[in-house]
Amino acid sequence: MNSVDSVNSQDTTETRAWRAEFEAAANRSLETRLNYAFIKTYKPVLDDEPYRSFASTAEYREWCEEYLPEWLGFGRV
């Protein structure tokens, strides 16, 4: 057996923990997995109103530049 085979054949503690975590996730319902899949992050200004509508894309872009923080990434390049 060469060194590659010996490394591949070792079932480390980390590998066992990963497999146990994978098995637990695989046994969850689809609904539960989808709930875990998405992380809700508050976005200032964007999340403060249920919806907004604009007459044109240009109007939307102007609004983004004026009201949204730069770190949200809605500015022009």
Protein backbone atom coordinates (compact mmCIF):
# COMPACT_ATOMS: atom_id res chain seq x y z
CA MET A 1 0.00 0.00 0.00
CA ASN A 2 1.43 3.38 -0.96
CA SER A 3 1.07 6.62 1.03
CA VAL A 4 -1.90 7.84 -1.07
CA ASP A 5 -3.85 4.65 -0.34
CA SER A 6 -3.11 4.87 3.37
CA VAL A 7 -4.38 8.48 3.52
CA ASN A 8 -7.51 7.61 1.51
CA SER A 9 -8.29 4.57 3.65
CA GLN A 10 -8.09 6.45 6.95
CA ASP A 11 -11.46 7.35 8.40
CA THR A 12 -10.52 10.39 10.45
CA THR A 13 -12.64 11.94 13.17
CA GLU A 14 -13.29 14.89 10.90
CA THR A 15 -14.48 12.63 8.08
CA ARG A 16 -16.78 10.70 10.42
CA ALA A 17 -18.25 13.97 11.74
CA TRP A 18 -18.80 15.21 8.19
CA ARG A 19 -20.53 11.98 7.19
CA ALA A 20 -22.78 12.07 10.26
CA GLU A 21 -23.74 15.66 9.47
CA PHE A 22 -24.44 14.74 5.85
CA GLU A 23 -26.62 11.78 6.87
CA ALA A 24 -28.60 13.96 9.28
CA ALA A 25 -29.18 16.56 6.56
CA ALA A 26 -30.19 13.90 4.04
CA ASN A 27 -32.84 12.60 6.44
CA ARG A 28 -34.49 16.03 6.88
CA SER A 29 -37.64 16.86 4.95
CA LEU A 30 -37.38 18.98 1.83
CA GLU A 31 -39.21 21.83 3.59
CA THR A 32 -36.67 21.82 6.43
CA ARG A 33 -33.72 21.72 4.03
CA LEU A 34 -35.14 24.68 2.08
CA ASN A 35 -35.60 26.63 5.32
CA TYR A 36 -31.93 26.03 6.16
CA ALA A 37 -30.80 26.87 2.61
CA PHE A 38 -31.73 30.56 2.63
CA ILE A 39 -30.42 33.13 5.06
CA LYS A 40 -32.54 36.25 5.56
CA THR A 41 -30.39 39.36 5.75
CA TYR A 42 -31.93 42.76 6.39
CA LYS A 43 -31.16 45.16 3.56
CA PRO A 44 -31.61 48.79 4.60
CA VAL A 45 -34.11 50.79 2.54
CA LEU A 46 -34.91 47.81 0.28
CA ASP A 47 -36.68 45.90 3.07
CA ASP A 48 -38.43 48.92 4.57
CA GLU A 49 -41.37 48.86 2.12
CA PRO A 50 -43.32 45.84 0.84
CA TYR A 51 -42.82 46.92 -2.79
CA ARG A 52 -41.86 49.82 -5.05
CA SER A 53 -42.72 50.47 -8.66
CA PHE A 54 -40.99 52.66 -11.21
CA ALA A 55 -42.11 54.02 -14.58
CA SER A 56 -38.78 53.19 -16.20
CA THR A 57 -35.48 51.45 -15.62
CA ALA A 58 -33.81 54.86 -15.62
CA GLU A 59 -36.07 56.00 -12.78
CA TYR A 60 -35.26 52.81 -10.85
CA ARG A 61 -31.51 53.31 -11.33
CA GLU A 62 -31.71 56.92 -10.15
CA TRP A 63 -33.62 55.82 -7.06
CA CYS A 64 -31.00 53.16 -6.32
CA GLU A 65 -28.15 55.65 -6.59
CA GLU A 66 -29.89 58.17 -4.36
CA TYR A 67 -31.28 55.95 -1.61
CA LEU A 68 -29.34 52.67 -1.37
CA PRO A 69 -26.05 52.26 0.47
CA GLU A 70 -23.16 51.64 -1.89
CA TRP A 71 -22.22 48.33 -0.24
CA LEU A 72 -25.48 46.74 -1.47
CA GLY A 73 -24.05 46.85 -4.98
CA PHE A 74 -26.89 48.54 -6.86
CA GLY A 75 -24.79 51.46 -8.09
CA ARG A 76 -23.52 51.97 -11.62
CA VAL A 77 -20.05 50.89 -12.61
